Amino acid sequence: MAIAIDATLVRLILVPAAMKLMGDWNWWMPSWLDRALPDLSFEAGGADPEPAEA
């Protein structure tokens, strides 16, 4: 019963509601941590891809 309450009440209702109320504060990162973490990019290359020919 505790797992069902946790899964429904906390994870489906409380967490999204808290994130909505906190807005941009959800994504705040301390500057010292930002400097310590590597700068990763998941984008492919710097140039725009060429359109595929039909």
C-alpha atoms as a PDB file:
ATOM      1  CA  MET A   1       0.000   0.000   0.000  1.00  0.00           C
ATOM      2  CA  ALA A   2       2.863   2.368   0.798  1.00  0.00           C
ATOM      3  CA  ILE A   3       4.359   1.892  -2.673  1.00  0.00           C
ATOM      4  CA  ALA A   4       1.033   2.698  -4.334  1.00  0.00           C
ATOM      5  CA  ILE A   5       0.652   5.860  -2.254  1.00  0.00           C
ATOM      6  CA  ASP A   6       4.219   6.906  -3.035  1.00  0.00           C
ATOM      7  CA  ALA A   7       3.820   6.274  -6.755  1.00  0.00           C
ATOM      8  CA  THR A   8       0.503   8.078  -7.092  1.00  0.00           C
ATOM      9  CA  LEU A   9       0.491  10.840  -4.524  1.00  0.00           C
ATOM     10  CA  VAL A  10       4.126  11.872  -4.405  1.00  0.00           C
ATOM     11  CA  ARG A  11       5.445  11.170  -7.886  1.00  0.00           C
ATOM     12  CA  LEU A  12       2.375  11.930  -9.965  1.00  0.00           C
ATOM     13  CA  ILE A  13       0.918  14.853  -8.032  1.00  0.00           C
ATOM     14  CA  LEU A  14       3.303  16.511  -5.557  1.00  0.00           C
ATOM     15  CA  VAL A  15       6.528  16.549  -7.594  1.00  0.00           C
ATOM     16  CA  PRO A  16       5.010  18.044 -10.787  1.00  0.00           C
ATOM     17  CA  ALA A  17       3.039  20.569  -8.722  1.00  0.00           C
ATOM     18  CA  ALA A  18       6.157  21.642  -6.808  1.00  0.00           C
ATOM     19  CA  MET A  19       8.129  21.951 -10.055  1.00  0.00           C
ATOM     20  CA  LYS A  20       5.399  24.118 -11.565  1.00  0.00           C
ATOM     21  CA  LEU A  21       5.362  26.395  -8.517  1.00  0.00           C
ATOM     22  CA  MET A  22       9.165  26.687  -8.367  1.00  0.00           C
ATOM     23  CA  GLY A  23       9.497  27.605 -12.055  1.00  0.00           C
ATOM     24  CA  ASP A  24      13.087  28.456 -13.068  1.00  0.00           C
ATOM     25  CA  TRP A  25      14.406  27.609  -9.596  1.00  0.00           C
ATOM     26  CA  ASN A  26      14.108  23.925 -10.589  1.00  0.00           C
ATOM     27  CA  TRP A  27      17.041  24.325 -12.942  1.00  0.00           C
ATOM     28  CA  TRP A  28      19.303  26.495 -10.765  1.00  0.00           C
ATOM     29  CA  MET A  29      22.849  25.176 -10.406  1.00  0.00           C
ATOM     30  CA  PRO A  30      25.500  26.558  -8.055  1.00  0.00           C
ATOM     31  CA  SER A  31      28.321  28.267  -9.941  1.00  0.00           C
ATOM     32  CA  TRP A  32      30.987  26.056  -8.333  1.00  0.00           C
ATOM     33  CA  LEU A  33      29.180  22.936  -9.565  1.00  0.00           C
ATOM     34  CA  ASP A  34      28.764  24.417 -13.047  1.00  0.00           C
ATOM     35  CA  ARG A  35      32.529  24.949 -13.225  1.00  0.00           C
ATOM     36  CA  ALA A  36      33.277  21.432 -11.918  1.00  0.00           C
ATOM     37  CA  LEU A  37      31.038  19.561 -14.363  1.00  0.00           C
ATOM     38  CA  PRO A  38      32.173  18.950 -17.950  1.00  0.00           C
ATOM     39  CA  ASP A  39      30.520  20.949 -20.730  1.00  0.00           C
ATOM     40  CA  LEU A  40      28.579  18.320 -22.677  1.00  0.00           C
ATOM     41  CA  SER A  41      26.654  18.855 -25.886  1.00  0.00           C
ATOM     42  CA  PHE A  42      24.250  16.399 -27.410  1.00  0.00           C
ATOM     43  CA  GLU A  43      23.887  18.351 -30.632  1.00  0.00           C
ATOM     44  CA  ALA A  44      25.399  16.897 -33.798  1.00  0.00           C
ATOM     45  CA  GLY A  45      28.161  19.037 -35.316  1.00  0.00           C
ATOM     46  CA  GLY A  46      28.121  22.784 -35.733  1.00  0.00           C
ATOM     47  CA  ALA A  47      26.785  23.023 -39.281  1.00  0.00           C
ATOM     48  CA  ASP A  48      23.228  22.540 -40.440  1.00  0.00           C
ATOM     49  CA  PRO A  49      22.670  19.166 -42.092  1.00  0.00           C
ATOM     50  CA  GLU A  50      22.152  19.068 -45.825  1.00  0.00           C
ATOM     51  CA  PRO A  51      18.592  18.228 -46.905  1.00  0.00           C
ATOM     52  CA  ALA A  52      18.122  14.705 -48.228  1.00  0.00           C
ATOM     53  CA  GLU A  53      17.462  14.452 -51.930  1.00  0.00           C
ATOM     54  CA  ALA A  54      14.279  12.704 -52.979  1.00  0.00           C
END
